Amino acid sequence: MKLWILAFRNMGRNLRRTLSTAVAIAAGFIGLVLLSAYIYRTKMGLTTSTVYINHKGHLALFKKDGLEKFAAKPSKYLISREDQEKLQVILDRHPDEIEFTGKYLSGTGLISNSKKSIPFIGLGIEPVTYAKIMHHPDLMRWTPDWIFPETIATSNDLALNPNLISITAMMGELLGKDLPFSQYQGEQKSLQLAAKSYFNDLNANNVELGLRHTTGIALAEDTSLIGSLATFQDLYATDGIQYWALFLKPAASVAGFRQVLAREVKQAGLDLDIESYNGEIWGAYYNGSMSFLYVMGSFFIFLICGAVLLSIVNSTTLGIIERMKEIGTLRAIGFRPKHIQSLFWRENFILSLIAVFSGQVISEIIALIVNFAHFQFEPPGTQGKIQFMLATNWKICLVMALFLLLLNVATTLVVVKKITRPQVIKLLTESGA
């Protein structure tokens, strides 16, 4: 305890150096916190967009090899009604992990307003699942720029009228339809879908325009179409589905539940693949974006930690040189090298602790100011502008604080141990005593 008190008092011996070192550590920690806040905010936004807005779910079940080969031969890789019934029994066993599920069917074709036809890439979804997704709290928290008030307000209409479809604003422009789509009545909202069924027959459906959505991905905005699962099953002449998406509860482990589900699916004799939203193929956009952010983040973390370490080494080395006579005197009256080293690392630990706490407070203030300012920017590959936001996470901040404290203490010990190792006479001689 006496060493802690002595270490605290020693911090005031050279206030200028102590303050400059504290500022360097605090600035480094602020940089780490703000960088992690941006990466965490982006990660949660991409996760929410991938899982909910693009309807991939946390987990998705496909027919064996269906993810890669469904587009080439959809009739072969449909999940049949019999397999769906078996799978439902398995999913009913896990109410603690699964929040809700959704059956999906995708396909391509042409959408026409009797005057003009454009290609679409469509996705059929159960109306109840669509409403649950649009009202999910994570969407308004992490992706508010990609969820429109009119989309939420009309999301239950799909259950009342399965013939409704949702298109993007860009597709509306191509079809000569202005926002909001709810302004159209009668024949004005009547559209036609034409496609080749999964059994190579030409088929067509009459649908109604009434919903609007965005994928959040620029390349998909001019072709994305969403409708009810019944409409798509009728269009492609099937009662099967392409995949069954599972939306898990926050406490559930995606990787852990995937293993459990894979074991139970195999025991039931079902030939299915289970893909996660962050998989290499199923979550390609998510994977690519996060890989870039992690590489960028690692580079900046290296630079920040390097600058902090150099400041610690410089400050500690100068402090030791100035206090060489004191160190020699302490050794002469019985202090061992480990006591001297302990005194110095305690000084730097206390200083780092104060700097980290101050840095955390300043980081929270900066994050609040940035979020309140509503800065808009357009990330590469995304559709439209989104708000630049910082979301600090206390667990990540705690890990970074501990990492920085341990790094500073370890650096101090290495420097002090090297300099205080000589014998007492040599220390006193070098100090001019």
Protein backbone atom coordinates (compact mmCIF):
# COMPACT_ATOMS: atom_id res chain seq x y z
CA MET A 1 0.00 0.00 0.00
CA LYS A 2 2.88 2.35 0.80
CA LEU A 3 4.33 1.78 -2.67
CA TRP A 4 0.97 2.82 -4.22
CA ILE A 5 0.95 6.00 -2.14
CA LEU A 6 4.56 6.76 -3.03
CA ALA A 7 3.86 6.07 -6.70
CA PHE A 8 0.88 8.43 -6.67
CA ARG A 9 2.96 11.21 -5.09
CA ASN A 10 5.81 10.69 -7.56
CA MET A 11 3.46 11.57 -10.41
CA GLY A 12 3.58 15.20 -9.29
CA ARG A 13 7.36 15.48 -9.42
CA ASN A 14 7.37 16.49 -13.07
CA LEU A 15 3.86 17.67 -13.90
CA ARG A 16 4.69 18.69 -17.45
CA ARG A 17 5.96 15.23 -18.42
CA THR A 18 3.17 13.51 -16.49
CA LEU A 19 0.54 15.61 -18.23
CA SER A 20 2.03 15.08 -21.71
CA THR A 21 2.19 11.32 -21.17
CA ALA A 22 -1.38 11.25 -19.87
CA VAL A 23 -2.58 13.22 -22.90
CA ALA A 24 -0.81 10.79 -25.24
CA ILE A 25 -2.40 7.77 -23.55
CA ALA A 26 -5.85 9.42 -23.42
CA ALA A 27 -5.63 10.46 -27.08
CA GLY A 28 -4.65 6.93 -28.06
CA PHE A 29 -7.53 5.44 -26.08
CA ILE A 30 -9.99 7.93 -27.58
CA GLY A 31 -8.82 6.87 -31.02
CA LEU A 32 -9.33 3.20 -30.14
CA VAL A 33 -12.80 3.80 -28.69
CA LEU A 34 -14.04 5.89 -31.63
CA LEU A 35 -12.60 3.43 -34.15
CA SER A 36 -14.26 0.51 -32.39
CA ALA A 37 -17.51 2.49 -32.12
CA TYR A 38 -17.57 2.99 -35.90
CA ILE A 39 -16.74 -0.66 -36.64
CA TYR A 40 -19.31 -1.91 -34.10
CA ARG A 41 -22.00 0.40 -35.51
CA THR A 42 -21.21 -0.75 -39.05
CA LYS A 43 -21.19 -4.41 -38.00
CA MET A 44 -24.60 -4.15 -36.35
CA GLY A 45 -26.00 -2.24 -39.31
CA LEU A 46 -24.71 -4.83 -41.79
CA THR A 47 -25.96 -7.68 -39.61
CA THR A 48 -29.44 -6.19 -39.36
CA SER A 49 -29.53 -5.42 -43.08
CA THR A 50 -28.38 -8.92 -44.03
CA VAL A 51 -30.59 -10.83 -41.58
CA TYR A 52 -33.81 -8.82 -41.79
CA ILE A 53 -33.91 -6.36 -44.70
CA ASN A 54 -32.44 -8.86 -47.18
CA HIS A 55 -34.35 -11.76 -45.56
CA LYS A 56 -31.41 -14.11 -45.09
CA GLY A 57 -32.17 -14.88 -41.44
CA HIS A 58 -29.51 -15.79 -38.91
CA LEU A 59 -29.65 -19.31 -40.33
CA ALA A 60 -31.17 -20.60 -43.56
CA LEU A 61 -31.94 -24.19 -44.53
CA PHE A 62 -31.53 -25.23 -48.19
CA LYS A 63 -31.86 -28.47 -50.03
CA LYS A 64 -28.43 -30.14 -50.32
CA ASP A 65 -26.35 -27.97 -52.73
CA GLY A 66 -29.41 -25.77 -53.24
CA LEU A 67 -27.64 -22.52 -52.43
CA GLU A 68 -25.28 -22.81 -55.41
CA LYS A 69 -27.44 -24.79 -57.85
CA PHE A 70 -31.03 -23.64 -57.26
CA ALA A 71 -30.94 -20.98 -59.98
CA ALA A 72 -29.78 -23.52 -62.60
CA LYS A 73 -32.32 -26.23 -61.77
CA PRO A 74 -34.86 -25.00 -59.20
CA SER A 75 -37.27 -27.96 -59.47
CA LYS A 76 -34.54 -30.32 -58.24
CA TYR A 77 -33.52 -28.23 -55.25
CA LEU A 78 -36.90 -27.25 -53.80
CA ILE A 79 -37.69 -28.22 -50.22
CA SER A 80 -40.83 -30.32 -50.64
CA ARG A 81 -43.95 -30.04 -48.51
CA GLU A 82 -43.15 -33.40 -46.86
CA ASP A 83 -39.69 -32.20 -45.85
CA GLN A 84 -41.19 -28.95 -44.57
CA GLU A 85 -43.50 -30.90 -42.25
CA LYS A 86 -40.58 -32.91 -40.86
CA LEU A 87 -38.52 -29.76 -40.43
CA GLN A 88 -41.37 -28.00 -38.62
CA VAL A 89 -41.31 -30.73 -35.96
CA ILE A 90 -37.59 -30.08 -35.38
CA LEU A 91 -37.98 -26.30 -35.20
CA ASP A 92 -40.85 -26.57 -32.70
CA ARG A 93 -38.40 -28.09 -30.22
CA HIS A 94 -36.42 -24.84 -29.92
CA PRO A 95 -38.67 -21.99 -28.76
CA ASP A 96 -35.86 -20.65 -26.55
CA GLU A 97 -33.54 -20.08 -29.52
CA ILE A 98 -35.91 -19.23 -32.39
CA GLU A 99 -37.80 -15.93 -32.35
CA PHE A 100 -39.67 -16.60 -35.60
CA THR A 101 -39.14 -18.26 -38.99
CA GLY A 102 -39.99 -17.59 -42.63
CA LYS A 103 -40.35 -19.64 -45.80
CA TYR A 104 -38.95 -18.13 -49.01
CA LEU A 105 -39.04 -18.71 -52.73
CA SER A 106 -37.07 -16.68 -55.27
CA GLY A 107 -37.15 -16.38 -59.03
CA THR A 108 -36.78 -14.10 -62.02
CA GLY A 109 -39.13 -12.78 -64.66
CA LEU A 110 -40.66 -9.65 -66.13
CA ILE A 111 -42.91 -7.08 -64.47
CA SER A 112 -45.18 -5.06 -66.75
CA ASN A 113 -47.58 -2.13 -66.51
CA SER A 114 -49.09 -2.92 -69.96
CA LYS A 115 -46.85 -0.29 -71.56
CA LYS A 116 -43.40 -1.24 -70.39
CA SER A 117 -41.76 -4.41 -69.08
CA ILE A 118 -38.59 -4.65 -67.00
CA PRO A 119 -36.78 -7.68 -65.49
CA PHE A 120 -37.08 -8.46 -61.79
CA ILE A 121 -35.41 -10.70 -59.23
CA GLY A 122 -38.26 -11.56 -56.90
CA LEU A 123 -38.58 -13.00 -53.43
CA GLY A 124 -41.73 -14.61 -52.10
CA ILE A 125 -42.24 -14.39 -48.36
CA GLU A 126 -44.93 -15.36 -45.89
CA PRO A 127 -47.00 -12.22 -45.06
CA VAL A 128 -46.83 -12.82 -41.30
CA THR A 129 -43.04 -13.06 -41.44
CA TYR A 130 -42.85 -9.90 -43.53
CA ALA A 131 -44.85 -7.95 -40.93
CA LYS A 132 -42.69 -9.26 -38.07
CA ILE A 133 -39.52 -8.20 -39.87
CA MET A 134 -40.76 -4.71 -40.67
CA HIS A 135 -41.74 -4.15 -37.03
CA HIS A 136 -38.56 -5.62 -35.56
CA PRO A 137 -36.89 -3.16 -33.13
CA ASP A 138 -33.40 -3.82 -34.51
CA LEU A 139 -34.37 -2.22 -37.83
CA MET A 140 -35.18 1.16 -36.33
CA ARG A 141 -32.14 1.00 -34.06
CA TRP A 142 -29.46 0.02 -36.57
CA THR A 143 -30.87 0.66 -40.08
CA PRO A 144 -33.36 3.54 -39.78
CA ASP A 145 -32.28 4.98 -43.15
CA TRP A 146 -33.39 1.82 -44.97
CA ILE A 147 -36.83 1.51 -43.38
CA PHE A 148 -39.45 4.01 -44.51
CA PRO A 149 -42.42 5.01 -42.33
CA GLU A 150 -44.78 4.04 -45.14
CA THR A 151 -43.17 0.58 -45.32
CA ILE A 152 -43.86 -0.04 -41.64
CA ALA A 153 -47.38 1.39 -41.87
CA THR A 154 -48.34 -0.85 -44.81
CA SER A 155 -46.44 -4.01 -43.82
CA ASN A 156 -49.61 -5.72 -42.53
CA ASP A 157 -51.40 -5.13 -45.85
CA LEU A 158 -49.63 -8.12 -47.41
CA ALA A 159 -51.52 -10.42 -45.04
CA LEU A 160 -54.83 -8.80 -46.02
CA ASN A 161 -54.10 -8.88 -49.75
CA PRO A 162 -51.60 -11.56 -50.90
CA ASN A 163 -51.61 -10.07 -54.42
CA LEU A 164 -49.75 -6.96 -53.25
CA ILE A 165 -46.12 -6.58 -54.23
CA SER A 166 -43.31 -4.36 -52.97
CA ILE A 167 -40.81 -2.73 -55.32
CA THR A 168 -37.99 -0.23 -54.86
CA ALA A 169 -38.21 3.46 -55.74
CA MET A 170 -35.84 2.85 -58.68
CA MET A 171 -38.09 0.15 -60.11
CA GLY A 172 -41.00 2.53 -59.66
CA GLU A 173 -39.22 5.12 -61.79
CA LEU A 174 -38.56 2.53 -64.51
CA LEU A 175 -42.26 1.65 -64.52
CA GLY A 176 -43.37 5.28 -64.43
CA LYS A 177 -44.73 5.06 -60.87
CA ASP A 178 -44.09 7.94 -58.48
CA LEU A 179 -43.86 7.78 -54.68
CA PRO A 180 -45.84 7.11 -52.61
CA PHE A 181 -47.23 4.00 -54.29
CA SER A 182 -50.30 4.15 -52.03
CA GLN A 183 -51.63 7.02 -54.18
CA TYR A 184 -52.57 4.62 -56.98
CA GLN A 185 -56.03 3.08 -57.03
CA GLY A 186 -57.87 0.59 -59.22
CA GLU A 187 -56.26 -0.05 -62.60
CA GLN A 188 -53.44 2.39 -61.80
CA LYS A 189 -51.90 -0.06 -59.36
CA SER A 190 -52.46 -3.14 -61.51
CA LEU A 191 -49.29 -4.86 -62.73
CA GLN A 192 -48.44 -8.20 -64.32
CA LEU A 193 -45.71 -10.68 -63.53
CA ALA A 194 -44.55 -13.06 -66.25
CA ALA A 195 -42.02 -15.86 -65.77
CA LYS A 196 -41.06 -19.36 -66.78
CA SER A 197 -42.22 -21.82 -64.14
CA TYR A 198 -39.80 -24.26 -62.52
CA PHE A 199 -41.13 -26.85 -64.98
CA ASN A 200 -40.40 -24.72 -68.09
CA ASP A 201 -43.96 -23.51 -68.71
CA LEU A 202 -44.75 -19.85 -69.31
CA ASN A 203 -46.89 -18.40 -66.53
CA ALA A 204 -48.27 -14.98 -65.57
CA ASN A 205 -49.94 -13.39 -62.53
CA ASN A 206 -51.90 -10.21 -61.97
CA VAL A 207 -50.60 -8.29 -58.95
CA GLU A 208 -51.16 -4.95 -57.28
CA LEU A 209 -48.59 -2.28 -56.43
CA GLY A 210 -48.88 -1.14 -52.84
CA LEU A 211 -45.63 -1.60 -50.95
CA ARG A 212 -42.17 -0.07 -51.09
CA HIS A 213 -38.82 -1.29 -49.80
CA THR A 214 -35.08 -0.90 -50.28
CA THR A 215 -32.38 -3.55 -50.24
CA GLY A 216 -29.68 -1.15 -49.03
CA ILE A 217 -27.45 -2.49 -51.84
CA ALA A 218 -27.04 -0.30 -54.92
CA LEU A 219 -26.67 -3.15 -57.42
CA ALA A 220 -29.98 -4.74 -56.37
CA GLU A 221 -32.16 -1.62 -56.36
CA ASP A 222 -33.30 -1.76 -59.99
CA THR A 223 -34.47 -5.40 -59.92
CA SER A 224 -35.66 -6.19 -56.38
CA LEU A 225 -39.29 -7.27 -55.97
CA ILE A 226 -41.02 -8.77 -52.93
CA GLY A 227 -44.38 -10.50 -52.85
CA SER A 228 -46.29 -13.10 -50.90
CA LEU A 229 -45.08 -16.70 -50.92
CA ALA A 230 -48.44 -17.80 -52.34
CA THR A 231 -48.07 -15.44 -55.31
CA PHE A 232 -44.61 -16.79 -56.15
CA GLN A 233 -45.63 -20.42 -55.69
CA ASP A 234 -48.48 -19.82 -58.11
CA LEU A 235 -46.20 -18.00 -60.57
CA TYR A 236 -43.61 -20.78 -60.59
CA ALA A 237 -46.15 -23.65 -60.26
CA THR A 238 -44.85 -25.27 -57.09
CA ASP A 239 -45.80 -25.92 -53.47
CA GLY A 240 -42.14 -26.15 -52.41
CA ILE A 241 -39.82 -23.48 -51.04
CA GLN A 242 -36.25 -22.49 -51.80
CA TYR A 243 -35.14 -21.95 -48.21
CA TRP A 244 -36.43 -21.67 -44.67
CA ALA A 245 -34.92 -18.73 -42.74
CA LEU A 246 -34.59 -18.78 -38.96
CA PHE A 247 -34.52 -15.52 -37.00
CA LEU A 248 -32.96 -16.18 -33.62
CA LYS A 249 -33.39 -14.50 -30.27
CA PRO A 250 -30.57 -12.17 -29.09
CA ALA A 251 -29.31 -14.63 -26.47
CA ALA A 252 -29.02 -17.52 -28.93
CA SER A 253 -25.65 -18.48 -30.39
CA VAL A 254 -25.77 -18.69 -34.17
CA ALA A 255 -22.80 -21.05 -34.44
CA GLY A 256 -23.89 -23.16 -31.47
CA PHE A 257 -27.49 -23.53 -32.60
CA ARG A 258 -26.34 -24.32 -36.13
CA GLN A 259 -24.46 -27.35 -34.83
CA VAL A 260 -27.44 -28.54 -32.78
CA LEU A 261 -29.80 -28.08 -35.73
CA ALA A 262 -27.45 -29.85 -38.14
CA ARG A 263 -27.33 -32.88 -35.84
CA GLU A 264 -31.13 -33.05 -35.49
CA VAL A 265 -31.70 -32.55 -39.24
CA LYS A 266 -29.31 -35.42 -39.99
CA GLN A 267 -31.02 -37.68 -37.45
CA ALA A 268 -34.38 -36.94 -39.11
CA GLY A 269 -32.99 -38.11 -42.45
CA LEU A 270 -33.35 -34.70 -44.12
CA ASP A 271 -30.81 -33.88 -46.83
CA LEU A 272 -30.41 -30.16 -46.07
CA ASP A 273 -27.61 -27.59 -45.87
CA ILE A 274 -27.60 -24.97 -43.10
CA GLU A 275 -26.11 -21.59 -44.01
CA SER A 276 -25.43 -18.67 -41.65
CA TYR A 277 -25.84 -14.99 -42.49
CA ASN A 278 -22.07 -14.48 -42.26
CA GLY A 279 -21.17 -17.46 -44.43
CA GLU A 280 -18.76 -17.08 -47.34
CA ILE A 281 -21.46 -17.50 -50.00
CA TRP A 282 -24.79 -16.77 -48.29
CA GLY A 283 -23.33 -13.70 -46.55
CA ALA A 284 -20.82 -12.64 -49.22
CA TYR A 285 -21.60 -8.90 -48.99
CA TYR A 286 -21.47 -8.98 -45.19
CA ASN A 287 -18.22 -10.94 -45.23
CA GLY A 288 -16.49 -8.68 -47.73
CA SER A 289 -17.50 -5.47 -45.95
CA MET A 290 -16.50 -6.69 -42.49
CA SER A 291 -13.18 -8.13 -43.70
CA PHE A 292 -12.25 -4.73 -45.10
CA LEU A 293 -13.23 -3.00 -41.84
CA TYR A 294 -11.25 -5.48 -39.73
CA VAL A 295 -8.12 -5.02 -41.84
CA MET A 296 -8.49 -1.24 -41.75
CA GLY A 297 -9.16 -1.33 -37.99
CA SER A 298 -6.14 -3.55 -37.30
CA PHE A 299 -3.87 -1.15 -39.20
CA PHE A 300 -5.05 1.87 -37.22
CA ILE A 301 -4.89 -0.02 -33.92
CA PHE A 302 -1.27 -0.86 -34.69
CA LEU A 303 -0.47 2.80 -35.37
CA ILE A 304 -2.29 4.05 -32.26
CA CYS A 305 -0.73 1.50 -29.91
CA GLY A 306 2.69 2.15 -31.43
CA ALA A 307 2.39 5.87 -30.76
CA VAL A 308 1.27 5.26 -27.16
CA LEU A 309 4.11 2.81 -26.53
CA LEU A 310 6.69 5.24 -27.86
CA SER A 311 5.33 7.91 -25.53
CA ILE A 312 5.52 5.52 -22.55
CA VAL A 313 9.07 4.43 -23.41
CA ASN A 314 10.22 8.03 -23.84
CA SER A 315 8.59 9.27 -20.65
CA THR A 316 9.79 6.33 -18.54
CA THR A 317 13.35 6.48 -19.87
CA LEU A 318 13.64 10.22 -19.16
CA GLY A 319 12.13 9.74 -15.72
CA ILE A 320 14.63 7.02 -14.86
CA ILE A 321 17.60 9.04 -16.10
CA GLU A 322 16.53 12.05 -14.02
CA ARG A 323 15.98 9.86 -10.96
CA MET A 324 19.15 7.76 -11.28
CA LYS A 325 20.59 9.15 -8.02
CA GLU A 326 17.30 8.36 -6.26
CA ILE A 327 17.33 4.81 -7.64
CA GLY A 328 20.93 4.30 -6.50
CA THR A 329 20.11 5.65 -3.04
CA LEU A 330 17.08 3.36 -2.72
CA ARG A 331 19.22 0.40 -3.73
CA ALA A 332 21.85 1.45 -1.18
CA ILE A 333 19.36 1.46 1.71
CA GLY A 334 18.04 -2.01 0.89
CA PHE A 335 15.49 -1.67 -1.91
CA ARG A 336 15.77 -4.55 -4.37
CA PRO A 337 15.44 -4.10 -8.16
CA LYS A 338 11.95 -5.62 -8.08
CA HIS A 339 10.86 -2.91 -5.60
CA ILE A 340 12.16 -0.18 -7.92
CA GLN A 341 10.45 -1.79 -10.90
CA SER A 342 7.25 -2.13 -8.88
CA LEU A 343 7.33 1.56 -8.00
CA PHE A 344 7.67 2.65 -11.64
CA TRP A 345 4.99 0.36 -13.08
CA ARG A 346 2.61 1.51 -10.37
CA GLU A 347 3.21 5.12 -11.38
CA ASN A 348 2.46 4.35 -15.01
CA PHE A 349 -0.53 2.18 -14.10
CA ILE A 350 -2.14 4.97 -12.07
CA LEU A 351 -1.40 7.48 -14.82
CA SER A 352 -2.81 5.15 -17.49
CA LEU A 353 -5.92 4.46 -15.41
CA ILE A 354 -6.66 8.18 -15.07
CA ALA A 355 -5.96 8.74 -18.79
CA VAL A 356 -8.20 5.82 -19.85
CA PHE A 357 -11.09 6.99 -17.68
CA SER A 358 -10.76 10.54 -19.04
CA GLY A 359 -10.52 9.18 -22.58
CA GLN A 360 -13.72 7.16 -22.14
CA VAL A 361 -15.65 10.21 -20.93
CA ILE A 362 -14.36 12.33 -23.82
CA SER A 363 -15.16 9.55 -26.31
CA GLU A 364 -18.77 9.34 -25.12
CA ILE A 365 -19.13 13.11 -25.48
CA ILE A 366 -17.68 13.02 -29.01
CA ALA A 367 -19.99 10.14 -29.98
CA LEU A 368 -23.03 12.05 -28.70
CA ILE A 369 -22.04 15.18 -30.64
CA VAL A 370 -21.43 13.22 -33.86
CA ASN A 371 -24.73 11.32 -33.59
CA PHE A 372 -26.64 14.48 -32.78
CA ALA A 373 -25.13 16.27 -35.81
CA HIS A 374 -26.73 13.74 -38.24
CA PHE A 375 -23.85 13.66 -40.72
CA GLN A 376 -24.90 11.92 -43.95
CA PHE A 377 -22.60 9.88 -46.20
CA GLU A 378 -22.91 7.21 -48.87
CA PRO A 379 -20.77 4.10 -48.25
CA PRO A 380 -19.49 2.26 -51.36
CA GLY A 381 -21.98 -0.31 -52.62
CA THR A 382 -24.94 0.91 -50.56
CA GLN A 383 -28.13 2.50 -51.79
CA GLY A 384 -28.60 6.14 -50.81
CA LYS A 385 -27.11 8.12 -47.97
CA ILE A 386 -27.08 6.96 -44.37
CA GLN A 387 -26.28 8.71 -41.11
CA PHE A 388 -22.73 8.50 -39.83
CA MET A 389 -23.12 7.14 -36.31
CA LEU A 390 -20.84 5.97 -33.50
CA ALA A 391 -22.05 3.29 -31.10
CA THR A 392 -19.78 2.60 -28.13
CA ASN A 393 -20.01 -0.81 -26.50
CA TRP A 394 -18.96 -1.11 -22.87
CA LYS A 395 -17.61 -4.65 -23.29
CA ILE A 396 -15.37 -3.64 -26.18
CA CYS A 397 -14.24 -0.50 -24.31
CA LEU A 398 -13.42 -2.57 -21.23
CA VAL A 399 -11.34 -5.04 -23.24
CA MET A 400 -9.43 -2.21 -24.94
CA ALA A 401 -8.85 -0.46 -21.61
CA LEU A 402 -7.43 -3.63 -20.04
CA PHE A 403 -5.32 -4.28 -23.13
CA LEU A 404 -3.88 -0.74 -23.06
CA LEU A 405 -3.19 -0.89 -19.31
CA LEU A 406 -1.41 -4.23 -19.59
CA LEU A 407 0.55 -3.01 -22.60
CA ASN A 408 1.70 0.10 -20.74
CA VAL A 409 2.67 -1.85 -17.62
CA ALA A 410 4.59 -4.44 -19.67
CA THR A 411 6.43 -1.72 -21.59
CA THR A 412 7.35 0.07 -18.35
CA LEU A 413 8.69 -3.14 -16.79
CA VAL A 414 10.86 -3.88 -19.82
CA VAL A 415 12.39 -0.38 -19.79
CA VAL A 416 12.88 -0.19 -16.01
CA LYS A 417 14.30 -3.69 -15.70
CA LYS A 418 17.00 -2.97 -18.27
CA ILE A 419 18.11 0.29 -16.66
CA THR A 420 17.90 -0.65 -12.96
CA ARG A 421 19.75 -3.95 -13.33
CA PRO A 422 23.33 -2.53 -12.74
CA GLN A 423 24.91 -2.65 -9.27
CA VAL A 424 24.45 0.12 -6.69
CA ILE A 425 27.93 1.59 -7.13
CA LYS A 426 27.50 1.88 -10.88
CA LEU A 427 24.10 3.55 -10.50
CA LEU A 428 25.48 6.10 -8.06
CA THR A 429 28.57 6.71 -10.19
CA GLU A 430 26.54 7.28 -13.35
CA SER A 431 24.32 9.74 -11.49
CA GLY A 432 27.36 11.82 -10.44
CA ALA A 433 27.21 10.91 -6.74
